């Protein structure tokens, strides 16, 4: 995250991993909570084993760890 705030304005990660949207509705929600008013990048991830996704307790899922750059693309 470096010096930039998170999508909801936080200064530290909510979880140790990467939130993954399971569909367009979840992606739209994350785009709408952008409180900076600036642009937001939306990335597509290939090859995710859905069995590795963890629930953060709020109904959203994340993949613990890192995703290799070769498996993501800017939408």
Protein backbone atom coordinates (compact mmCIF):
# COMPACT_ATOMS: atom_id res chain seq x y z
CA UNK A 1 0.00 0.00 0.00
CA UNK A 2 2.94 2.30 0.55
CA UNK A 3 1.81 5.90 1.09
CA UNK A 4 -1.52 5.52 -0.75
CA UNK A 5 -4.63 4.74 1.31
CA UNK A 6 -6.68 1.64 0.67
CA UNK A 7 -9.89 1.75 -1.38
CA UNK A 8 -11.93 2.55 1.75
CA UNK A 9 -9.36 5.07 2.99
CA UNK A 10 -7.63 2.76 5.46
CA UNK A 11 -3.91 3.03 6.10
CA UNK A 12 -3.33 -0.68 6.74
CA UNK A 13 -4.62 -3.87 5.14
CA UNK A 14 -7.86 -5.32 6.49
CA UNK A 15 -6.54 -8.84 5.86
CA UNK A 16 -3.22 -10.43 4.96
CA UNK A 17 -4.18 -11.22 1.40
CA UNK A 18 -6.06 -10.00 -1.66
CA UNK A 19 -9.82 -9.55 -1.77
CA UNK A 20 -11.34 -11.38 -4.73
CA UNK A 21 -14.77 -10.60 -6.13
CA UNK A 22 -16.88 -13.56 -7.17
CA UNK A 23 -18.89 -11.59 -9.70
CA UNK A 24 -19.75 -8.20 -11.16
CA UNK A 25 -22.00 -7.20 -8.23
CA UNK A 26 -19.18 -7.61 -5.70
CA UNK A 27 -16.75 -5.78 -7.99
CA UNK A 28 -19.24 -2.90 -8.33
CA UNK A 29 -19.55 -2.67 -4.54
CA UNK A 30 -15.79 -2.37 -4.09
CA UNK A 31 -15.63 0.27 -6.82
CA UNK A 32 -18.41 2.27 -5.13
CA UNK A 33 -16.69 2.38 -1.72
CA UNK A 34 -13.77 4.29 -3.18
CA UNK A 35 -13.76 7.34 -0.91
CA UNK A 36 -10.86 9.12 -2.60
CA UNK A 37 -12.96 10.21 -5.58
CA UNK A 38 -10.07 9.25 -7.83
CA UNK A 39 -9.71 6.48 -10.37
CA UNK A 40 -9.70 2.84 -9.28
CA UNK A 41 -8.06 -0.01 -11.17
CA UNK A 42 -10.04 -3.22 -11.66
CA UNK A 43 -7.99 -6.37 -12.21
CA UNK A 44 -9.02 -9.79 -13.43
CA UNK A 45 -7.35 -12.84 -11.87
CA UNK A 46 -6.97 -16.17 -13.66
CA UNK A 47 -6.51 -19.60 -12.14
CA UNK A 48 -7.80 -19.03 -8.61
CA UNK A 49 -8.62 -22.19 -6.66
CA UNK A 50 -11.88 -21.11 -4.99
CA UNK A 51 -11.22 -23.64 -2.23
CA UNK A 52 -8.36 -21.43 -1.01
CA UNK A 53 -10.56 -18.35 -0.56
CA UNK A 54 -11.22 -17.29 3.04
CA UNK A 55 -14.22 -15.37 4.36
CA UNK A 56 -13.23 -12.15 6.13
CA UNK A 57 -16.29 -12.35 8.38
CA UNK A 58 -18.29 -9.78 6.40
CA UNK A 59 -19.30 -12.00 3.50
CA UNK A 60 -16.35 -11.08 1.28
CA UNK A 61 -13.57 -13.49 0.41
CA UNK A 62 -9.85 -13.08 0.03
CA UNK A 63 -6.92 -15.14 -1.10
CA UNK A 64 -4.21 -15.27 1.57
CA UNK A 65 -0.76 -14.45 0.26
CA UNK A 66 0.24 -13.05 -3.11
CA UNK A 67 -0.99 -13.55 -6.65
CA UNK A 68 1.74 -13.84 -9.30
CA UNK A 69 1.72 -10.95 -11.79
CA UNK A 70 1.36 -13.39 -14.69
CA UNK A 71 -2.13 -14.31 -13.40
CA UNK A 72 -3.59 -10.79 -13.32
CA UNK A 73 -4.61 -8.35 -16.04
CA UNK A 74 -6.01 -4.83 -15.98
CA UNK A 75 -9.66 -4.80 -17.08
